[in-house]
Amino acid sequence: MRPTSGLAGLMVAIVGPALARSVPALAGALLLVGATNSAMDLSMNAQGVSVERHLRRPILSSLHAAFSFGGFAALGLGLAGVVPTLFRAGADQPGVSTGPALSAVTALGYLGFLAGPPLIGGIAQLTSLRAACAVLVLAGLLVVVLAGAAAVPARDEASLHRGGAGSLAAGSAALP
């Protein structure tokens, strides 16, 4: 899937919640919005990995930074490099095709995005807002401590041009 088809799907799906006339219809429409948004996100990251491999130098962080700066200005600057690093580390796992690897990283990211706010809210409800905010600080420190685990290994020519049915090099997202 190319980013433009994901965007087209999201543009169509985003109308669904406004047209929903019942709770089940709203739930279905929101599920469709989430699915198309995830598909667009996955296709953009797959395209970014493909461009990065074509250029033979790391640029995924730059692509994510440009998106982040455009959408969120100065918010989250300290963690702006985490997501592209995780996508690159996932895409470069030996023995795993790029598509499934990026899908797994994307799914875990959305899990954190969806589960984080209720967990923080639950902690605040059970204890205090101060304790809930402390959990956020500890989570940030955990990112710093575990950052080395997502380090990008030195890539050789073979890893830049992996073939196979599940790789980007063989898919429609690959560059010539």
N, C-alpha and C. Protein backbone atom coordinates (compact mmCIF):
# COMPACT_ATOMS: atom_id res chain seq x y z
N MET A 1 0.85 -1.18 0.00
CA MET A 1 0.00 0.00 0.00
C MET A 1 0.89 1.24 0.00
N ARG A 2 0.56 2.17 -0.82
CA ARG A 2 1.30 3.42 -0.87
C ARG A 2 0.65 4.43 0.08
N PRO A 3 1.44 5.41 0.56
CA PRO A 3 0.88 6.41 1.49
C PRO A 3 -0.35 7.11 0.94
N THR A 4 -0.41 7.34 -0.38
CA THR A 4 -1.56 8.05 -0.93
C THR A 4 -2.84 7.23 -0.83
N SER A 5 -2.75 5.90 -1.00
CA SER A 5 -3.96 5.08 -0.87
C SER A 5 -4.40 5.01 0.59
N GLY A 6 -3.45 5.00 1.52
CA GLY A 6 -3.80 5.04 2.94
C GLY A 6 -4.49 6.34 3.30
N LEU A 7 -3.99 7.44 2.75
CA LEU A 7 -4.60 8.74 3.01
C LEU A 7 -6.00 8.80 2.41
N ALA A 8 -6.17 8.27 1.21
CA ALA A 8 -7.50 8.26 0.58
C ALA A 8 -8.48 7.45 1.43
N GLY A 9 -8.02 6.30 1.93
CA GLY A 9 -8.88 5.48 2.78
C GLY A 9 -9.26 6.20 4.05
N LEU A 10 -8.30 6.89 4.66
CA LEU A 10 -8.58 7.64 5.89
C LEU A 10 -9.54 8.78 5.61
N MET A 11 -9.39 9.45 4.49
CA MET A 11 -10.28 10.56 4.16
C MET A 11 -11.73 10.08 4.00
N VAL A 12 -11.90 8.90 3.45
CA VAL A 12 -13.25 8.33 3.30
C VAL A 12 -13.76 7.86 4.66
N ALA A 13 -12.91 7.17 5.42
CA ALA A 13 -13.33 6.61 6.71
C ALA A 13 -13.67 7.67 7.74
N ILE A 14 -13.02 8.82 7.68
CA ILE A 14 -13.21 9.86 8.71
C ILE A 14 -14.63 10.41 8.70
N VAL A 15 -15.35 10.23 7.61
CA VAL A 15 -16.73 10.70 7.52
C VAL A 15 -17.67 9.77 8.28
N GLY A 16 -17.28 8.51 8.44
CA GLY A 16 -18.13 7.50 9.08
C GLY A 16 -18.66 7.87 10.45
N PRO A 17 -17.81 8.32 11.39
CA PRO A 17 -18.34 8.66 12.71
C PRO A 17 -19.40 9.76 12.68
N ALA A 18 -19.27 10.68 11.76
CA ALA A 18 -20.27 11.75 11.67
C ALA A 18 -21.61 11.23 11.18
N LEU A 19 -21.58 10.15 10.41
CA LEU A 19 -22.81 9.60 9.85
C LEU A 19 -23.42 8.51 10.71
N ALA A 20 -22.72 8.07 11.74
CA ALA A 20 -23.20 6.98 12.60
C ALA A 20 -24.46 7.39 13.35
N ARG A 21 -25.45 6.51 13.37
CA ARG A 21 -26.72 6.79 14.03
C ARG A 21 -26.94 5.96 15.28
N SER A 22 -25.96 5.09 15.61
CA SER A 22 -26.10 4.26 16.81
C SER A 22 -24.70 4.01 17.38
N VAL A 23 -24.66 3.52 18.61
CA VAL A 23 -23.37 3.24 19.24
C VAL A 23 -22.61 2.15 18.48
N PRO A 24 -23.26 1.04 18.06
CA PRO A 24 -22.51 0.04 17.29
C PRO A 24 -21.99 0.59 15.96
N ALA A 25 -22.78 1.43 15.30
CA ALA A 25 -22.32 2.04 14.04
C ALA A 25 -21.15 2.97 14.30
N LEU A 26 -21.20 3.72 15.40
CA LEU A 26 -20.08 4.60 15.75
C LEU A 26 -18.83 3.78 16.06
N ALA A 27 -19.01 2.70 16.81
CA ALA A 27 -17.86 1.84 17.13
C ALA A 27 -17.24 1.28 15.86
N GLY A 28 -18.06 0.81 14.94
CA GLY A 28 -17.56 0.29 13.67
C GLY A 28 -16.85 1.35 12.85
N ALA A 29 -17.43 2.54 12.82
CA ALA A 29 -16.83 3.64 12.07
C ALA A 29 -15.49 4.04 12.67
N LEU A 30 -15.42 4.09 14.00
CA LEU A 30 -14.15 4.43 14.65
C LEU A 30 -13.11 3.34 14.46
N LEU A 31 -13.54 2.09 14.44
CA LEU A 31 -12.63 0.99 14.14
C LEU A 31 -12.06 1.13 12.74
N LEU A 32 -12.90 1.51 11.80
CA LEU A 32 -12.45 1.72 10.42
C LEU A 32 -11.48 2.89 10.33
N VAL A 33 -11.75 3.97 11.06
CA VAL A 33 -10.83 5.11 11.09
C VAL A 33 -9.47 4.66 11.64
N GLY A 34 -9.50 3.90 12.73
CA GLY A 34 -8.25 3.42 13.32
C GLY A 34 -7.49 2.51 12.38
N ALA A 35 -8.20 1.62 11.70
CA ALA A 35 -7.55 0.69 10.77
C ALA A 35 -6.93 1.43 9.59
N THR A 36 -7.67 2.39 9.02
CA THR A 36 -7.11 3.12 7.87
C THR A 36 -5.97 4.04 8.30
N ASN A 37 -6.07 4.61 9.50
CA ASN A 37 -4.97 5.43 10.00
C ASN A 37 -3.72 4.56 10.21
N SER A 38 -3.90 3.37 10.75
CA SER A 38 -2.77 2.46 10.95
C SER A 38 -2.17 2.04 9.62
N ALA A 39 -3.03 1.77 8.63
CA ALA A 39 -2.53 1.38 7.31
C ALA A 39 -1.72 2.52 6.69
N MET A 40 -2.20 3.75 6.84
CA MET A 40 -1.46 4.88 6.30
C MET A 40 -0.13 5.05 7.03
N ASP A 41 -0.15 4.92 8.33
CA ASP A 41 1.07 5.03 9.12
C ASP A 41 2.08 3.97 8.72
N LEU A 42 1.62 2.75 8.57
CA LEU A 42 2.49 1.65 8.18
C LEU A 42 3.06 1.88 6.79
N SER A 43 2.23 2.31 5.85
CA SER A 43 2.73 2.52 4.49
C SER A 43 3.73 3.68 4.43
N MET A 44 3.53 4.72 5.23
CA MET A 44 4.50 5.82 5.24
C MET A 44 5.84 5.35 5.79
N ASN A 45 5.81 4.55 6.85
CA ASN A 45 7.06 4.05 7.42
C ASN A 45 7.75 3.06 6.49
N ALA A 46 6.97 2.22 5.81
CA ALA A 46 7.55 1.29 4.84
C ALA A 46 8.20 2.05 3.69
N GLN A 47 7.54 3.10 3.23
CA GLN A 47 8.11 3.92 2.16
C GLN A 47 9.39 4.60 2.64
N GLY A 48 9.38 5.07 3.88
CA GLY A 48 10.58 5.70 4.44
C GLY A 48 11.75 4.74 4.53
N VAL A 49 11.49 3.50 4.94
CA VAL A 49 12.55 2.48 4.99
C VAL A 49 13.06 2.20 3.59
N SER A 50 12.16 2.14 2.62
CA SER A 50 12.57 1.90 1.24
C SER A 50 13.47 3.03 0.72
N VAL A 51 13.09 4.26 0.98
CA VAL A 51 13.91 5.40 0.57
C VAL A 51 15.26 5.36 1.28
N GLU A 52 15.24 5.05 2.55
CA GLU A 52 16.48 4.96 3.33
C GLU A 52 17.41 3.91 2.74
N ARG A 53 16.88 2.77 2.38
CA ARG A 53 17.72 1.72 1.78
C ARG A 53 18.24 2.14 0.42
N HIS A 54 17.41 2.84 -0.35
CA HIS A 54 17.84 3.32 -1.66
C HIS A 54 19.00 4.31 -1.52
N LEU A 55 18.89 5.20 -0.55
CA LEU A 55 19.94 6.22 -0.34
C LEU A 55 21.17 5.65 0.38
N ARG A 56 21.00 4.48 1.01
CA ARG A 56 22.07 3.81 1.74
C ARG A 56 22.63 4.64 2.88
N ARG A 57 21.76 5.38 3.52
CA ARG A 57 22.12 6.13 4.72
C ARG A 57 20.85 6.34 5.53
N PRO A 58 20.99 6.47 6.86
CA PRO A 58 19.80 6.63 7.70
C PRO A 58 19.14 7.99 7.53
N ILE A 59 17.87 7.97 7.13
CA ILE A 59 17.10 9.21 7.01
C ILE A 59 15.74 9.13 7.68
N LEU A 60 15.38 7.95 8.20
CA LEU A 60 14.05 7.77 8.78
C LEU A 60 13.81 8.75 9.92
N SER A 61 14.84 9.02 10.71
CA SER A 61 14.70 10.00 11.79
C SER A 61 14.35 11.37 11.23
N SER A 62 14.96 11.73 10.11
CA SER A 62 14.68 13.03 9.48
C SER A 62 13.23 13.11 9.02
N LEU A 63 12.73 12.02 8.45
CA LEU A 63 11.34 12.01 7.98
C LEU A 63 10.37 12.16 9.15
N HIS A 64 10.64 11.44 10.23
CA HIS A 64 9.78 11.55 11.41
C HIS A 64 9.90 12.93 12.05
N ALA A 65 11.10 13.47 12.06
CA ALA A 65 11.29 14.80 12.65
C ALA A 65 10.51 15.84 11.87
N ALA A 66 10.55 15.76 10.55
CA ALA A 66 9.82 16.72 9.72
C ALA A 66 8.32 16.63 9.99
N PHE A 67 7.81 15.40 10.10
CA PHE A 67 6.40 15.21 10.40
C PHE A 67 6.06 15.76 11.79
N SER A 68 6.93 15.45 12.75
CA SER A 68 6.69 15.90 14.12
C SER A 68 6.73 17.41 14.24
N PHE A 69 7.72 18.03 13.60
CA PHE A 69 7.83 19.49 13.67
C PHE A 69 6.62 20.15 13.03
N GLY A 70 6.16 19.59 11.92
CA GLY A 70 5.00 20.17 11.25
C GLY A 70 3.74 20.04 12.08
N GLY A 71 3.57 18.93 12.78
CA GLY A 71 2.34 18.69 13.52
C GLY A 71 2.36 19.11 14.95
N PHE A 72 3.50 19.05 15.58
CA PHE A 72 3.53 19.28 17.02
C PHE A 72 4.54 20.33 17.47
N ALA A 73 5.13 21.02 16.52
CA ALA A 73 6.11 22.07 16.80
C ALA A 73 7.15 21.60 17.81
N ALA A 74 7.16 22.12 19.00
CA ALA A 74 8.22 21.81 19.95
C ALA A 74 7.88 20.70 20.94
N LEU A 75 6.71 20.09 20.78
CA LEU A 75 6.30 19.05 21.74
C LEU A 75 7.09 17.77 21.57
N GLY A 76 7.58 17.24 22.60
CA GLY A 76 8.24 15.93 22.60
C GLY A 76 9.59 15.88 21.93
N LEU A 77 10.30 16.97 21.88
CA LEU A 77 11.59 16.98 21.20
C LEU A 77 12.56 15.94 21.78
N GLY A 78 12.51 15.72 23.05
CA GLY A 78 13.44 14.78 23.67
C GLY A 78 13.24 13.35 23.22
N LEU A 79 12.03 12.99 22.80
CA LEU A 79 11.76 11.62 22.39
C LEU A 79 11.51 11.50 20.89
N ALA A 80 11.79 12.54 20.14
CA ALA A 80 11.49 12.54 18.71
C ALA A 80 12.25 11.46 17.94
N GLY A 81 13.40 11.06 18.41
CA GLY A 81 14.18 10.04 17.71
C GLY A 81 13.83 8.62 18.08
N VAL A 82 12.99 8.42 19.08
CA VAL A 82 12.70 7.07 19.56
C VAL A 82 11.92 6.27 18.52
N VAL A 83 10.85 6.83 18.00
CA VAL A 83 9.98 6.09 17.08
C VAL A 83 10.72 5.68 15.81
N PRO A 84 11.42 6.59 15.12
CA PRO A 84 12.12 6.13 13.92
C PRO A 84 13.22 5.11 14.22
N THR A 85 13.85 5.24 15.37
CA THR A 85 14.88 4.26 15.74
C THR A 85 14.25 2.89 15.92
N LEU A 86 13.08 2.84 16.56
CA LEU A 86 12.40 1.56 16.75
C LEU A 86 11.92 0.98 15.43
N PHE A 87 11.43 1.82 14.52
CA PHE A 87 11.01 1.33 13.21
C PHE A 87 12.20 0.78 12.44
N ARG A 88 13.33 1.48 12.48
CA ARG A 88 14.52 1.01 11.78
C ARG A 88 15.01 -0.30 12.40
N ALA A 89 15.05 -0.37 13.73
CA ALA A 89 15.49 -1.59 14.39
C ALA A 89 14.55 -2.75 14.05
N GLY A 90 13.25 -2.49 14.00
CA GLY A 90 12.31 -3.53 13.63
C GLY A 90 12.49 -3.98 12.19
N ALA A 91 12.71 -3.04 11.29
CA ALA A 91 12.87 -3.36 9.87
C ALA A 91 14.16 -4.11 9.60
N ASP A 92 15.15 -3.96 10.45
CA ASP A 92 16.45 -4.57 10.23
C ASP A 92 16.67 -5.86 11.01
N GLN A 93 15.60 -6.46 11.54
CA GLN A 93 15.75 -7.71 12.28
C GLN A 93 16.11 -8.84 11.31
N PRO A 94 17.18 -9.55 11.59
CA PRO A 94 17.57 -10.64 10.69
C PRO A 94 16.53 -11.76 10.71
N GLY A 95 16.24 -12.26 9.52
CA GLY A 95 15.30 -13.37 9.41
C GLY A 95 13.84 -12.98 9.46
N VAL A 96 13.54 -11.68 9.55
CA VAL A 96 12.15 -11.22 9.59
C VAL A 96 11.93 -10.27 8.42
N SER A 97 10.89 -10.51 7.66
CA SER A 97 10.57 -9.62 6.55
C SER A 97 10.19 -8.25 7.07
N THR A 98 10.45 -7.25 6.27
CA THR A 98 10.22 -5.87 6.70
C THR A 98 8.76 -5.59 7.03
N GLY A 99 7.83 -6.05 6.20
CA GLY A 99 6.41 -5.77 6.43
C GLY A 99 5.90 -6.25 7.79
N PRO A 100 6.07 -7.53 8.10
CA PRO A 100 5.63 -8.01 9.42
C PRO A 100 6.35 -7.32 10.57
N ALA A 101 7.64 -7.02 10.38
CA ALA A 101 8.39 -6.36 11.45
C ALA A 101 7.83 -4.97 11.72
N LEU A 102 7.58 -4.19 10.66
CA LEU A 102 7.02 -2.85 10.84
C LEU A 102 5.60 -2.91 11.39
N SER A 103 4.84 -3.93 10.98
CA SER A 103 3.48 -4.09 11.51
C SER A 103 3.51 -4.34 13.02
N ALA A 104 4.46 -5.17 13.47
CA ALA A 104 4.56 -5.46 14.90
C ALA A 104 4.94 -4.22 15.69
N VAL A 105 5.90 -3.44 15.17
CA VAL A 105 6.31 -2.21 15.87
C VAL A 105 5.15 -1.22 15.91
N THR A 106 4.43 -1.10 14.80
CA THR A 106 3.28 -0.19 14.74
C THR A 106 2.20 -0.62 15.72
N ALA A 107 1.91 -1.92 15.77
CA ALA A 107 0.87 -2.42 16.69
C ALA A 107 1.24 -2.13 18.14
N LEU A 108 2.50 -2.35 18.50
CA LEU A 108 2.92 -2.07 19.88
C LEU A 108 2.85 -0.58 20.18
N GLY A 109 3.18 0.25 19.19
CA GLY A 109 3.08 1.69 19.39
C GLY A 109 1.65 2.13 19.64
N TYR A 110 0.71 1.58 18.85
CA TYR A 110 -0.69 1.93 19.06
C TYR A 110 -1.22 1.38 20.38
N LEU A 111 -0.71 0.21 20.78
CA LEU A 111 -1.11 -0.33 22.07
C LEU A 111 -0.74 0.64 23.19
N GLY A 112 0.49 1.16 23.13
CA GLY A 112 0.92 2.14 24.13
C GLY A 112 0.10 3.42 24.05
N PHE A 113 -0.21 3.84 22.84
CA PHE A 113 -0.99 5.05 22.63
C PHE A 113 -2.40 4.91 23.20
N LEU A 114 -2.98 3.72 23.05
CA LEU A 114 -4.34 3.50 23.54
C LEU A 114 -4.39 3.13 25.02
N ALA A 115 -3.41 2.37 25.48
CA ALA A 115 -3.44 1.90 26.87
C ALA A 115 -2.84 2.92 27.84
N GLY A 116 -1.92 3.76 27.38
CA GLY A 116 -1.24 4.70 28.26
C GLY A 116 -2.16 5.65 29.01
N PRO A 117 -3.01 6.40 28.33
CA PRO A 117 -3.87 7.36 29.04
C PRO A 117 -4.77 6.71 30.09
N PRO A 118 -5.45 5.58 29.79
CA PRO A 118 -6.26 4.99 30.86
C PRO A 118 -5.42 4.49 32.04
N LEU A 119 -4.24 3.96 31.76
CA LEU A 119 -3.37 3.51 32.85
C LEU A 119 -2.94 4.68 33.73
N ILE A 120 -2.52 5.78 33.10
CA ILE A 120 -2.10 6.96 33.86
C ILE A 120 -3.29 7.53 34.64
N GLY A 121 -4.46 7.56 33.99
CA GLY A 121 -5.66 8.03 34.68
C GLY A 121 -6.04 7.14 35.85
N GLY A 122 -5.90 5.83 35.66
CA GLY A 122 -6.19 4.89 36.75
C GLY A 122 -5.24 5.06 37.93
N ILE A 123 -3.96 5.27 37.62
CA ILE A 123 -2.98 5.51 38.68
C ILE A 123 -3.32 6.79 39.43
N ALA A 124 -3.69 7.83 38.67
CA ALA A 124 -4.05 9.10 39.31
C ALA A 124 -5.30 8.93 40.18
N GLN A 125 -6.25 8.15 39.72
CA GLN A 125 -7.48 7.93 40.49
C GLN A 125 -7.20 7.16 41.78
N LEU A 126 -6.34 6.15 41.67
CA LEU A 126 -6.04 5.31 42.84
C LEU A 126 -5.08 5.98 43.82
N THR A 127 -4.19 6.82 43.30
CA THR A 127 -3.19 7.45 44.17
C THR A 127 -3.33 8.96 44.10
N SER A 128 -2.56 9.57 43.22
CA SER A 128 -2.63 11.02 43.04
C SER A 128 -2.11 11.38 41.66
N LEU A 129 -2.40 12.59 41.23
CA LEU A 129 -1.88 13.07 39.96
C LEU A 129 -0.36 13.13 39.99
N ARG A 130 0.19 13.49 41.12
CA ARG A 130 1.65 13.55 41.28
C ARG A 130 2.27 12.17 41.03
N ALA A 131 1.66 11.13 41.60
CA ALA A 131 2.18 9.77 41.40
C ALA A 131 2.05 9.35 39.94
N ALA A 132 0.94 9.72 39.31
CA ALA A 132 0.74 9.38 37.90
C ALA A 132 1.79 10.07 37.02
N CYS A 133 2.09 11.32 37.32
CA CYS A 133 3.12 12.05 36.57
C CYS A 133 4.50 11.47 36.83
N ALA A 134 4.71 10.96 38.03
CA ALA A 134 5.98 10.31 38.34
C ALA A 134 6.16 9.06 37.48
N VAL A 135 5.07 8.36 37.20
CA VAL A 135 5.14 7.18 36.33
C VAL A 135 5.60 7.59 34.93
N LEU A 136 5.13 8.73 34.45
CA LEU A 136 5.56 9.23 33.15
C LEU A 136 7.07 9.52 33.14
N VAL A 137 7.55 10.13 34.22
CA VAL A 137 8.98 10.43 34.32
C VAL A 137 9.78 9.12 34.34
N LEU A 138 9.30 8.14 35.12
CA LEU A 138 9.98 6.85 35.17
C LEU A 138 9.95 6.14 33.81
N ALA A 139 8.85 6.26 33.09
CA ALA A 139 8.78 5.67 31.75
C ALA A 139 9.79 6.33 30.82
N GLY A 140 9.93 7.65 30.92
CA GLY A 140 10.94 8.35 30.12
C GLY A 140 12.35 7.90 30.46
N LEU A 141 12.62 7.70 31.75
CA LEU A 141 13.93 7.19 32.16
C LEU A 141 14.16 5.77 31.65
N LEU A 142 13.10 4.98 31.63
CA LEU A 142 13.20 3.62 31.11
C LEU A 142 13.57 3.64 29.62
N VAL A 143 13.03 4.59 28.89
CA VAL A 143 13.39 4.74 27.47
C VAL A 143 14.88 5.02 27.34
N VAL A 144 15.40 5.89 28.19
CA VAL A 144 16.83 6.22 28.15
C VAL A 144 17.67 4.98 28.47
N VAL A 145 17.28 4.24 29.49
CA VAL A 145 18.04 3.06 29.91
C VAL A 145 18.02 1.98 28.83
N LEU A 146 16.87 1.78 28.18
CA LEU A 146 16.73 0.71 27.20
C LEU A 146 17.08 1.14 25.77
N ALA A 147 17.50 2.37 25.57
CA ALA A 147 17.78 2.87 24.23
C ALA A 147 18.82 2.03 23.50
N GLY A 148 19.80 1.56 24.21
CA GLY A 148 20.83 0.75 23.58
C GLY A 148 20.32 -0.53 22.97
N ALA A 149 19.23 -1.06 23.50
CA ALA A 149 18.67 -2.30 22.96
C ALA A 149 18.11 -2.11 21.56
N ALA A 150 17.78 -0.88 21.19
CA ALA A 150 17.24 -0.60 19.86
C ALA A 150 18.30 -0.03 18.94
N ALA A 151 19.56 -0.12 19.35
CA ALA A 151 20.64 0.42 18.52
C ALA A 151 20.63 -0.25 17.16
N VAL A 152 20.91 0.52 16.15
CA VAL A 152 20.93 0.02 14.79
C VAL A 152 22.27 -0.66 14.54
N PRO A 153 22.25 -1.95 14.19
CA PRO A 153 23.52 -2.62 13.91
C PRO A 153 24.12 -2.10 12.61
N ALA A 154 25.42 -2.24 12.48
CA ALA A 154 26.08 -1.84 11.23
C ALA A 154 25.50 -2.67 10.11
N ARG A 155 25.12 -2.01 9.03
CA ARG A 155 24.47 -2.71 7.93
C ARG A 155 25.47 -3.00 6.83
N ASP A 156 25.35 -4.18 6.26
CA ASP A 156 26.18 -4.52 5.12
C ASP A 156 25.31 -4.42 3.87
N GLU A 157 25.91 -4.65 2.71
CA GLU A 157 25.17 -4.54 1.44
C GLU A 157 23.98 -5.49 1.41
N ALA A 158 24.15 -6.70 1.94
CA ALA A 158 23.06 -7.68 1.89
C ALA A 158 21.84 -7.20 2.65
N SER A 159 22.03 -6.55 3.80
CA SER A 159 20.88 -6.10 4.58
C SER A 159 20.20 -4.91 3.94
N LEU A 160 20.94 -4.16 3.12
CA LEU A 160 20.33 -3.03 2.43
C LEU A 160 19.46 -3.48 1.27
N HIS A 161 19.74 -4.65 0.75
CA HIS A 161 19.02 -5.11 -0.44
C HIS A 161 18.43 -6.49 -0.22
N ARG A 162 17.80 -6.69 0.94
CA ARG A 162 17.18 -7.98 1.20
C ARG A 162 16.10 -8.24 0.17
N GLY A 163 16.04 -9.43 -0.30
CA GLY A 163 15.00 -9.82 -1.24
C GLY A 163 13.96 -10.63 -0.53
N GLY A 164 13.10 -11.26 -1.31
CA GLY A 164 12.10 -12.14 -0.72
C GLY A 164 10.72 -11.56 -0.86
N ALA A 165 9.73 -12.41 -0.74
CA ALA A 165 8.35 -11.99 -0.96
C ALA A 165 7.87 -10.97 0.05
N GLY A 166 8.40 -11.01 1.28
CA GLY A 166 7.89 -10.10 2.30
C GLY A 166 8.70 -8.83 2.44
N SER A 167 9.73 -8.65 1.64
CA SER A 167 10.57 -7.48 1.83
C SER A 167 10.11 -6.33 0.97
N LEU A 168 10.53 -5.16 1.32
CA LEU A 168 10.18 -3.98 0.53
C LEU A 168 10.88 -4.00 -0.82
N ALA A 169 12.08 -4.60 -0.88
CA ALA A 169 12.82 -4.62 -2.14
C ALA A 169 12.02 -5.34 -3.22
N ALA A 170 11.21 -6.31 -2.83
CA ALA A 170 10.42 -7.05 -3.80
C ALA A 170 9.02 -6.47 -3.96
N GLY A 171 8.63 -5.55 -3.09
CA GLY A 171 7.26 -5.03 -3.10
C GLY A 171 7.11 -3.78 -3.94
N SER A 172 5.90 -3.30 -4.01
CA SER A 172 5.61 -2.13 -4.84
C SER A 172 6.14 -0.84 -4.22
N ALA A 173 6.51 -0.86 -2.94
CA ALA A 173 7.00 0.36 -2.30
C ALA A 173 8.48 0.59 -2.57
N ALA A 174 9.16 -0.37 -3.19
CA ALA A 174 10.60 -0.23 -3.41
C ALA A 174 10.88 0.79 -4.49
N LEU A 175 11.99 1.44 -4.36
CA LEU A 175 12.43 2.39 -5.36
C LEU A 175 13.29 1.68 -6.38
N PRO A 176 13.42 2.21 -7.61
CA PRO A 176 14.25 1.55 -8.62
C PRO A 176 15.72 1.59 -8.25
